[in-house]
Amino acid sequence: MEKRTTRSHYKIVGNQLLPKKSYDTEKEALMVARFLNTQPNIIHKMIVYKCIKCNKWHIGNNGNLLKDEDREKIKEKLKNGRESR
């Protein structure tokens, strides 16, 4: 399977294409993505990207597996309120 080079405004739910949740700022999307990355049911790392269709921010996965060490680092960033990626 080839890795996508562009990101989509849509997600596939069943047999439908639905618009993804959009965020007005990168910071807002990043905080949600970090929270998602701390959840045990999330397998692939969630990232933020600016949508070329709506010019807002969306969250998607990058295909990289999340490890327990990654989750712990992300939890620390959330706890400390750090802005850096």
PDB file of N, CA and C in Angstrom:
ATOM      1  N   MET A   1       0.844  -1.181   0.000  1.00  0.00           N
ATOM      2  CA  MET A   1       0.000   0.000   0.000  1.00  0.00           C
ATOM      3  C   MET A   1       0.890   1.246   0.000  1.00  0.00           C
ATOM      4  N   GLU A   2       0.600   2.175  -0.887  1.00  0.00           N
ATOM      5  CA  GLU A   2       1.384   3.405  -0.974  1.00  0.00           C
ATOM      6  C   GLU A   2       0.961   4.395   0.092  1.00  0.00           C
ATOM      7  N   LYS A   3       1.942   5.127   0.603  1.00  0.00           N
ATOM      8  CA  LYS A   3       1.648   6.169   1.584  1.00  0.00           C
ATOM      9  C   LYS A   3       1.153   7.410   0.857  1.00  0.00           C
ATOM     10  N   ARG A   4       0.105   8.016   1.414  1.00  0.00           N
ATOM     11  CA  ARG A   4      -0.443   9.226   0.803  1.00  0.00           C
ATOM     12  C   ARG A   4       0.543  10.381   0.938  1.00  0.00           C
ATOM     13  N   THR A   5       0.554  11.241  -0.065  1.00  0.00           N
ATOM     14  CA  THR A   5       1.415  12.418  -0.003  1.00  0.00           C
ATOM     15  C   THR A   5       0.605  13.673   0.294  1.00  0.00           C
ATOM     16  N   THR A   6      -0.718  13.580   0.176  1.00  0.00           N
ATOM     17  CA  THR A   6      -1.583  14.715   0.496  1.00  0.00           C
ATOM     18  C   THR A   6      -2.589  14.290   1.550  1.00  0.00           C
ATOM     19  N   ARG A   7      -3.134  15.251   2.243  1.00  0.00           N
ATOM     20  CA  ARG A   7      -4.122  14.999   3.285  1.00  0.00           C
ATOM     21  C   ARG A   7      -5.501  15.364   2.776  1.00  0.00           C
ATOM     22  N   SER A   8      -6.509  14.758   3.363  1.00  0.00           N
ATOM     23  CA  SER A   8      -7.874  14.945   2.899  1.00  0.00           C
ATOM     24  C   SER A   8      -8.712  15.775   3.864  1.00  0.00           C
ATOM     25  N   HIS A   9      -9.703  16.427   3.301  1.00  0.00           N
ATOM     26  CA  HIS A   9     -10.699  17.172   4.065  1.00  0.00           C
ATOM     27  C   HIS A   9     -11.762  16.200   4.594  1.00  0.00           C
ATOM     28  N   TYR A  10     -11.787  14.991   4.036  1.00  0.00           N
ATOM     29  CA  TYR A  10     -12.828  14.022   4.341  1.00  0.00           C
ATOM     30  C   TYR A  10     -12.292  12.789   5.062  1.00  0.00           C
ATOM     31  N   LYS A  11     -13.209  12.117   5.771  1.00  0.00           N
ATOM     32  CA  LYS A  11     -12.918  10.807   6.347  1.00  0.00           C
ATOM     33  C   LYS A  11     -13.963   9.844   5.802  1.00  0.00           C
ATOM     34  N   ILE A  12     -13.621   8.574   5.783  1.00  0.00           N
ATOM     35  CA  ILE A  12     -14.539   7.559   5.290  1.00  0.00           C
ATOM     36  C   ILE A  12     -15.229   6.922   6.487  1.00  0.00           C
ATOM     37  N   VAL A  13     -16.542   7.000   6.506  1.00  0.00           N
ATOM     38  CA  VAL A  13     -17.343   6.370   7.550  1.00  0.00           C
ATOM     39  C   VAL A  13     -18.364   5.492   6.842  1.00  0.00           C
ATOM     40  N   GLY A  14     -18.194   4.188   6.991  1.00  0.00           N
ATOM     41  CA  GLY A  14     -19.046   3.266   6.233  1.00  0.00           C
ATOM     42  C   GLY A  14     -18.738   3.433   4.765  1.00  0.00           C
ATOM     43  N   ASN A  15     -19.733   3.768   4.010  1.00  0.00           N
ATOM     44  CA  ASN A  15     -19.558   4.005   2.565  1.00  0.00           C
ATOM     45  C   ASN A  15     -19.669   5.478   2.211  1.00  0.00           C
ATOM     46  N   GLN A  16     -19.534   6.350   3.221  1.00  0.00           N
ATOM     47  CA  GLN A  16     -19.715   7.777   2.979  1.00  0.00           C
ATOM     48  C   GLN A  16     -18.439   8.556   3.233  1.00  0.00           C
ATOM     49  N   LEU A  17     -18.277   9.639   2.486  1.00  0.00           N
ATOM     50  CA  LEU A  17     -17.218  10.604   2.754  1.00  0.00           C
ATOM     51  C   LEU A  17     -17.823  11.735   3.571  1.00  0.00           C
ATOM     52  N   LEU A  18     -17.310  11.943   4.772  1.00  0.00           N
ATOM     53  CA  LEU A  18     -17.809  13.001   5.644  1.00  0.00           C
ATOM     54  C   LEU A  18     -16.686  13.984   5.935  1.00  0.00           C
ATOM     55  N   PRO A  19     -17.009  15.288   6.038  1.00  0.00           N
ATOM     56  CA  PRO A  19     -15.962  16.263   6.366  1.00  0.00           C
ATOM     57  C   PRO A  19     -15.358  15.965   7.742  1.00  0.00           C
ATOM     58  N   LYS A  20     -14.053  16.116   7.848  1.00  0.00           N
ATOM     59  CA  LYS A  20     -13.383  15.944   9.135  1.00  0.00           C
ATOM     60  C   LYS A  20     -13.673  17.143  10.024  1.00  0.00           C
ATOM     61  N   LYS A  21     -13.543  16.944  11.336  1.00  0.00           N
ATOM     62  CA  LYS A  21     -13.671  18.053  12.289  1.00  0.00           C
ATOM     63  C   LYS A  21     -12.566  19.045  11.966  1.00  0.00           C
ATOM     64  N   SER A  22     -12.916  20.316  11.948  1.00  0.00           N
ATOM     65  CA  SER A  22     -11.915  21.339  11.645  1.00  0.00           C
ATOM     66  C   SER A  22     -11.667  22.197  12.876  1.00  0.00           C
ATOM     67  N   TYR A  23     -10.472  22.731  12.953  1.00  0.00           N
ATOM     68  CA  TYR A  23     -10.048  23.590  14.060  1.00  0.00           C
ATOM     69  C   TYR A  23      -9.552  24.898  13.461  1.00  0.00           C
ATOM     70  N   ASP A  24      -9.875  26.007  14.116  1.00  0.00           N
ATOM     71  CA  ASP A  24      -9.491  27.319  13.595  1.00  0.00           C
ATOM     72  C   ASP A  24      -8.000  27.588  13.712  1.00  0.00           C
ATOM     73  N   THR A  25      -7.369  27.016  14.748  1.00  0.00           N
ATOM     74  CA  THR A  25      -5.939  27.271  14.949  1.00  0.00           C
ATOM     75  C   THR A  25      -5.152  25.970  15.037  1.00  0.00           C
ATOM     76  N   GLU A  26      -3.898  26.068  14.691  1.00  0.00           N
ATOM     77  CA  GLU A  26      -3.005  24.918  14.797  1.00  0.00           C
ATOM     78  C   GLU A  26      -2.867  24.497  16.258  1.00  0.00           C
ATOM     79  N   LYS A  27      -2.795  25.482  17.148  1.00  0.00           N
ATOM     80  CA  LYS A  27      -2.633  25.191  18.577  1.00  0.00           C
ATOM     81  C   LYS A  27      -3.789  24.345  19.112  1.00  0.00           C
ATOM     82  N   GLU A  28      -5.005  24.725  18.742  1.00  0.00           N
ATOM     83  CA  GLU A  28      -6.185  23.979  19.181  1.00  0.00           C
ATOM     84  C   GLU A  28      -6.141  22.534  18.665  1.00  0.00           C
ATOM     85  N   ALA A  29      -5.840  22.366  17.385  1.00  0.00           N
ATOM     86  CA  ALA A  29      -5.763  21.034  16.787  1.00  0.00           C
ATOM     87  C   ALA A  29      -4.641  20.216  17.422  1.00  0.00           C
ATOM     88  N   LEU A  30      -3.526  20.862  17.698  1.00  0.00           N
ATOM     89  CA  LEU A  30      -2.379  20.172  18.288  1.00  0.00           C
ATOM     90  C   LEU A  30      -2.695  19.652  19.682  1.00  0.00           C
ATOM     91  N   MET A  31      -3.414  20.425  20.477  1.00  0.00           N
ATOM     92  CA  MET A  31      -3.780  19.977  21.820  1.00  0.00           C
ATOM     93  C   MET A  31      -4.700  18.753  21.755  1.00  0.00           C
ATOM     94  N   VAL A  32      -5.640  18.750  20.813  1.00  0.00           N
ATOM     95  CA  VAL A  32      -6.538  17.599  20.657  1.00  0.00           C
ATOM     96  C   VAL A  32      -5.757  16.387  20.163  1.00  0.00           C
ATOM     97  N   ALA A  33      -4.859  16.587  19.194  1.00  0.00           N
ATOM     98  CA  ALA A  33      -4.054  15.480  18.676  1.00  0.00           C
ATOM     99  C   ALA A  33      -3.185  14.888  19.784  1.00  0.00           C
ATOM    100  N   ARG A  34      -2.589  15.740  20.610  1.00  0.00           N
ATOM    101  CA  ARG A  34      -1.777  15.234  21.724  1.00  0.00           C
ATOM    102  C   ARG A  34      -2.627  14.419  22.686  1.00  0.00           C
ATOM    103  N   PHE A  35      -3.822  14.927  23.004  1.00  0.00           N
ATOM    104  CA  PHE A  35      -4.703  14.171  23.886  1.00  0.00           C
ATOM    105  C   PHE A  35      -5.015  12.802  23.276  1.00  0.00           C
ATOM    106  N   LEU A  36      -5.361  12.784  21.995  1.00  0.00           N
ATOM    107  CA  LEU A  36      -5.668  11.519  21.329  1.00  0.00           C
ATOM    108  C   LEU A  36      -4.475  10.570  21.383  1.00  0.00           C
ATOM    109  N   ASN A  37      -3.273  11.111  21.229  1.00  0.00           N
ATOM    110  CA  ASN A  37      -2.068  10.280  21.245  1.00  0.00           C
ATOM    111  C   ASN A  37      -1.774   9.660  22.612  1.00  0.00           C
ATOM    112  N   THR A  38      -2.440  10.128  23.655  1.00  0.00           N
ATOM    113  CA  THR A  38      -2.247   9.526  24.982  1.00  0.00           C
ATOM    114  C   THR A  38      -3.232   8.387  25.239  1.00  0.00           C
ATOM    115  N   GLN A  39      -4.202   8.231  24.358  1.00  0.00           N
ATOM    116  CA  GLN A  39      -5.236   7.215  24.564  1.00  0.00           C
ATOM    117  C   GLN A  39      -4.749   5.834  24.128  1.00  0.00           C
ATOM    118  N   PRO A  40      -5.022   4.802  24.936  1.00  0.00           N
ATOM    119  CA  PRO A  40      -4.520   3.455  24.631  1.00  0.00           C
ATOM    120  C   PRO A  40      -5.106   2.836  23.360  1.00  0.00           C
ATOM    121  N   ASN A  41      -6.274   3.293  22.918  1.00  0.00           N
ATOM    122  CA  ASN A  41      -6.880   2.710  21.715  1.00  0.00           C
ATOM    123  C   ASN A  41      -6.363   3.329  20.413  1.00  0.00           C
ATOM    124  N   ILE A  42      -5.546   4.368  20.502  1.00  0.00           N
ATOM    125  CA  ILE A  42      -4.972   4.997  19.307  1.00  0.00           C
ATOM    126  C   ILE A  42      -3.675   4.259  18.971  1.00  0.00           C
ATOM    127  N   ILE A  43      -3.615   3.687  17.788  1.00  0.00           N
ATOM    128  CA  ILE A  43      -2.468   2.864  17.393  1.00  0.00           C
ATOM    129  C   ILE A  43      -1.424   3.680  16.642  1.00  0.00           C
ATOM    130  N   HIS A  44      -1.867   4.523  15.726  1.00  0.00           N
ATOM    131  CA  HIS A  44      -0.961   5.335  14.916  1.00  0.00           C
ATOM    132  C   HIS A  44      -0.950   6.773  15.418  1.00  0.00           C
ATOM    133  N   LYS A  45       0.203   7.415  15.319  1.00  0.00           N
ATOM    134  CA  LYS A  45       0.354   8.779  15.808  1.00  0.00           C
ATOM    135  C   LYS A  45      -0.541   9.736  15.027  1.00  0.00           C
ATOM    136  N   MET A  46      -1.270  10.552  15.781  1.00  0.00           N
ATOM    137  CA  MET A  46      -2.146  11.556  15.186  1.00  0.00           C
ATOM    138  C   MET A  46      -1.359  12.850  15.013  1.00  0.00           C
ATOM    139  N   ILE A  47      -1.535  13.465  13.858  1.00  0.00           N
ATOM    140  CA  ILE A  47      -0.831  14.705  13.535  1.00  0.00           C
ATOM    141  C   ILE A  47      -1.841  15.753  13.079  1.00  0.00           C
ATOM    142  N   VAL A  48      -1.405  17.002  13.029  1.00  0.00           N
ATOM    143  CA  VAL A  48      -2.266  18.084  12.533  1.00  0.00           C
ATOM    144  C   VAL A  48      -1.744  18.549  11.174  1.00  0.00           C
ATOM    145  N   TYR A  49      -2.658  19.027  10.361  1.00  0.00           N
ATOM    146  CA  TYR A  49      -2.269  19.570   9.062  1.00  0.00           C
ATOM    147  C   TYR A  49      -3.278  20.622   8.632  1.00  0.00           C
ATOM    148  N   LYS A  50      -2.808  21.568   7.851  1.00  0.00           N
ATOM    149  CA  LYS A  50      -3.676  22.621   7.325  1.00  0.00           C
ATOM    150  C   LYS A  50      -4.308  22.115   6.038  1.00  0.00           C
ATOM    151  N   CYS A  51      -5.617  22.211   5.976  1.00  0.00           N
ATOM    152  CA  CYS A  51      -6.380  21.707   4.837  1.00  0.00           C
ATOM    153  C   CYS A  51      -6.353  22.719   3.693  1.00  0.00           C
ATOM    154  N   ILE A  52      -6.058  22.244   2.497  1.00  0.00           N
ATOM    155  CA  ILE A  52      -6.027  23.132   1.336  1.00  0.00           C
ATOM    156  C   ILE A  52      -7.438  23.435   0.820  1.00  0.00           C
ATOM    157  N   LYS A  53      -8.429  22.660   1.271  1.00  0.00           N
ATOM    158  CA  LYS A  53      -9.808  22.884   0.826  1.00  0.00           C
ATOM    159  C   LYS A  53     -10.510  23.953   1.673  1.00  0.00           C
ATOM    160  N   CYS A  54     -10.399  23.845   3.010  1.00  0.00           N
ATOM    161  CA  CYS A  54     -11.144  24.773   3.878  1.00  0.00           C
ATOM    162  C   CYS A  54     -10.229  25.767   4.602  1.00  0.00           C
ATOM    163  N   ASN A  55      -8.918  25.599   4.455  1.00  0.00           N
ATOM    164  CA  ASN A  55      -7.927  26.489   5.069  1.00  0.00           C
ATOM    165  C   ASN A  55      -7.971  26.468   6.602  1.00  0.00           C
ATOM    166  N   LYS A  56      -8.498  25.381   7.159  1.00  0.00           N
ATOM    167  CA  LYS A  56      -8.501  25.191   8.607  1.00  0.00           C
ATOM    168  C   LYS A  56      -7.602  24.003   8.926  1.00  0.00           C
ATOM    169  N   TRP A  57      -7.557  23.609  10.183  1.00  0.00           N
ATOM    170  CA  TRP A  57      -6.683  22.532  10.634  1.00  0.00           C
ATOM    171  C   TRP A  57      -7.489  21.267  10.909  1.00  0.00           C
ATOM    172  N   HIS A  58      -6.937  20.135  10.502  1.00  0.00           N
ATOM    173  CA  HIS A  58      -7.536  18.820  10.736  1.00  0.00           C
ATOM    174  C   HIS A  58      -6.525  17.928  11.443  1.00  0.00           C
ATOM    175  N   ILE A  59      -7.030  16.794  11.937  1.00  0.00           N
ATOM    176  CA  ILE A  59      -6.184  15.789  12.578  1.00  0.00           C
ATOM    177  C   ILE A  59      -6.291  14.501  11.776  1.00  0.00           C
ATOM    178  N   GLY A  60      -5.158  13.873  11.561  1.00  0.00           N
ATOM    179  CA  GLY A  60      -5.118  12.581  10.869  1.00  0.00           C
ATOM    180  C   GLY A  60      -3.933  11.801  11.382  1.00  0.00           C
ATOM    181  N   ASN A  61      -3.835  10.542  10.992  1.00  0.00           N
ATOM    182  CA  ASN A  61      -2.665   9.772  11.459  1.00  0.00           C
ATOM    183  C   ASN A  61      -1.593   9.766  10.390  1.00  0.00           C
ATOM    184  N   ASN A  62      -0.356   9.560  10.846  1.00  0.00           N
ATOM    185  CA  ASN A  62       0.757   9.553   9.889  1.00  0.00           C
ATOM    186  C   ASN A  62       1.265   8.152   9.594  1.00  0.00           C
ATOM    187  N   GLY A  63       0.587   7.135  10.122  1.00  0.00           N
ATOM    188  CA  GLY A  63       0.974   5.762   9.835  1.00  0.00           C
ATOM    189  C   GLY A  63       2.063   5.217  10.740  1.00  0.00           C
ATOM    190  N   ASN A  64       2.672   6.071  11.574  1.00  0.00           N
ATOM    191  CA  ASN A  64       3.701   5.601  12.499  1.00  0.00           C
ATOM    192  C   ASN A  64       3.052   5.053  13.758  1.00  0.00           C
ATOM    193  N   LEU A  65       3.507   3.885  14.197  1.00  0.00           N
ATOM    194  CA  LEU A  65       2.959   3.287  15.405  1.00  0.00           C
ATOM    195  C   LEU A  65       3.381   4.079  16.637  1.00  0.00           C
ATOM    196  N   LEU A  66       2.438   4.236  17.567  1.00  0.00           N
ATOM    197  CA  LEU A  66       2.741   4.897  18.843  1.00  0.00           C
ATOM    198  C   LEU A  66       3.286   3.868  19.813  1.00  0.00           C
ATOM    199  N   LYS A  67       4.370   4.216  20.465  1.00  0.00           N
ATOM    200  CA  LYS A  67       4.958   3.342  21.483  1.00  0.00           C
ATOM    201  C   LYS A  67       4.612   3.910  22.852  1.00  0.00           C
ATOM    202  N   ASP A  68       4.728   3.076  23.876  1.00  0.00           N
ATOM    203  CA  ASP A  68       4.432   3.525  25.240  1.00  0.00           C
ATOM    204  C   ASP A  68       5.314   4.714  25.630  1.00  0.00           C
ATOM    205  N   GLU A  69       6.577   4.714  25.187  1.00  0.00           N
ATOM    206  CA  GLU A  69       7.483   5.837  25.504  1.00  0.00           C
ATOM    207  C   GLU A  69       6.970   7.132  24.876  1.00  0.00           C
ATOM    208  N   ASP A  70       6.446   7.012  23.656  1.00  0.00           N
ATOM    209  CA  ASP A  70       5.888   8.184  22.973  1.00  0.00           C
ATOM    210  C   ASP A  70       4.709   8.746  23.752  1.00  0.00           C
ATOM    211  N   ARG A  71       3.834   7.867  24.195  1.00  0.00           N
ATOM    212  CA  ARG A  71       2.649   8.303  24.955  1.00  0.00           C
ATOM    213  C   ARG A  71       3.061   9.034  26.231  1.00  0.00           C
ATOM    214  N   GLU A  72       4.078   8.511  26.908  1.00  0.00           N
ATOM    215  CA  GLU A  72       4.534   9.135  28.151  1.00  0.00           C
ATOM    216  C   GLU A  72       5.102  10.534  27.892  1.00  0.00           C
ATOM    217  N   LYS A  73       5.879  10.685  26.823  1.00  0.00           N
ATOM    218  CA  LYS A  73       6.430  12.000  26.477  1.00  0.00           C
ATOM    219  C   LYS A  73       5.313  12.988  26.157  1.00  0.00           C
ATOM    220  N   ILE A  74       4.306  12.512  25.441  1.00  0.00           N
ATOM    221  CA  ILE A  74       3.188  13.375  25.071  1.00  0.00           C
ATOM    222  C   ILE A  74       2.382  13.756  26.310  1.00  0.00           C
ATOM    223  N   LYS A  75       2.187  12.813  27.220  1.00  0.00           N
ATOM    224  CA  LYS A  75       1.478  13.113  28.478  1.00  0.00           C
ATOM    225  C   LYS A  75       2.203  14.199  29.252  1.00  0.00           C
ATOM    226  N   GLU A  76       3.537  14.136  29.281  1.00  0.00           N
ATOM    227  CA  GLU A  76       4.327  15.162  29.975  1.00  0.00           C
ATOM    228  C   GLU A  76       4.138  16.526  29.325  1.00  0.00           C
ATOM    229  N   LYS A  77       4.152  16.557  27.999  1.00  0.00           N
ATOM    230  CA  LYS A  77       3.943  17.828  27.284  1.00  0.00           C
ATOM    231  C   LYS A  77       2.580  18.416  27.623  1.00  0.00           C
ATOM    232  N   LEU A  78       1.555  17.558  27.664  1.00  0.00           N
ATOM    233  CA  LEU A  78       0.211  18.029  27.992  1.00  0.00           C
ATOM    234  C   LEU A  78       0.158  18.551  29.434  1.00  0.00           C
ATOM    235  N   LYS A  79       0.779  17.800  30.326  1.00  0.00           N
ATOM    236  CA  LYS A  79       0.763  18.187  31.742  1.00  0.00           C
ATOM    237  C   LYS A  79       1.474  19.504  31.973  1.00  0.00           C
ATOM    238  N   ASN A  80       2.579  19.688  31.266  1.00  0.00           N
ATOM    239  CA  ASN A  80       3.368  20.903  31.422  1.00  0.00           C
ATOM    240  C   ASN A  80       2.857  22.048  30.564  1.00  0.00           C
ATOM    241  N   GLY A  81       1.905  21.765  29.684  1.00  0.00           N
ATOM    242  CA  GLY A  81       1.339  22.812  28.825  1.00  0.00           C
ATOM    243  C   GLY A  81       2.326  23.352  27.812  1.00  0.00           C
ATOM    244  N   ARG A  82       3.278  22.518  27.392  1.00  0.00           N
ATOM    245  CA  ARG A  82       4.291  22.968  26.427  1.00  0.00           C
ATOM    246  C   ARG A  82       3.692  23.191  25.074  1.00  0.00           C
ATOM    247  N   GLU A  83       4.196  24.192  24.387  1.00  0.00           N
ATOM    248  CA  GLU A  83       3.702  24.552  23.045  1.00  0.00           C
ATOM    249  C   GLU A  83       4.476  23.851  21.943  1.00  0.00           C
ATOM    250  N   SER A  84       5.678  23.394  22.205  1.00  0.00           N
ATOM    251  CA  SER A  84       6.522  22.854  21.147  1.00  0.00           C
ATOM    252  C   SER A  84       6.007  21.513  20.653  1.00  0.00           C
ATOM    253  N   ARG A  85       6.384  21.180  19.445  1.00  0.00           N
ATOM    254  CA  ARG A  85       5.991  19.914  18.854  1.00  0.00           C
ATOM    255  C   ARG A  85       6.938  18.890  19.351  1.00  0.00           C
TER     256      ARG A  85
END
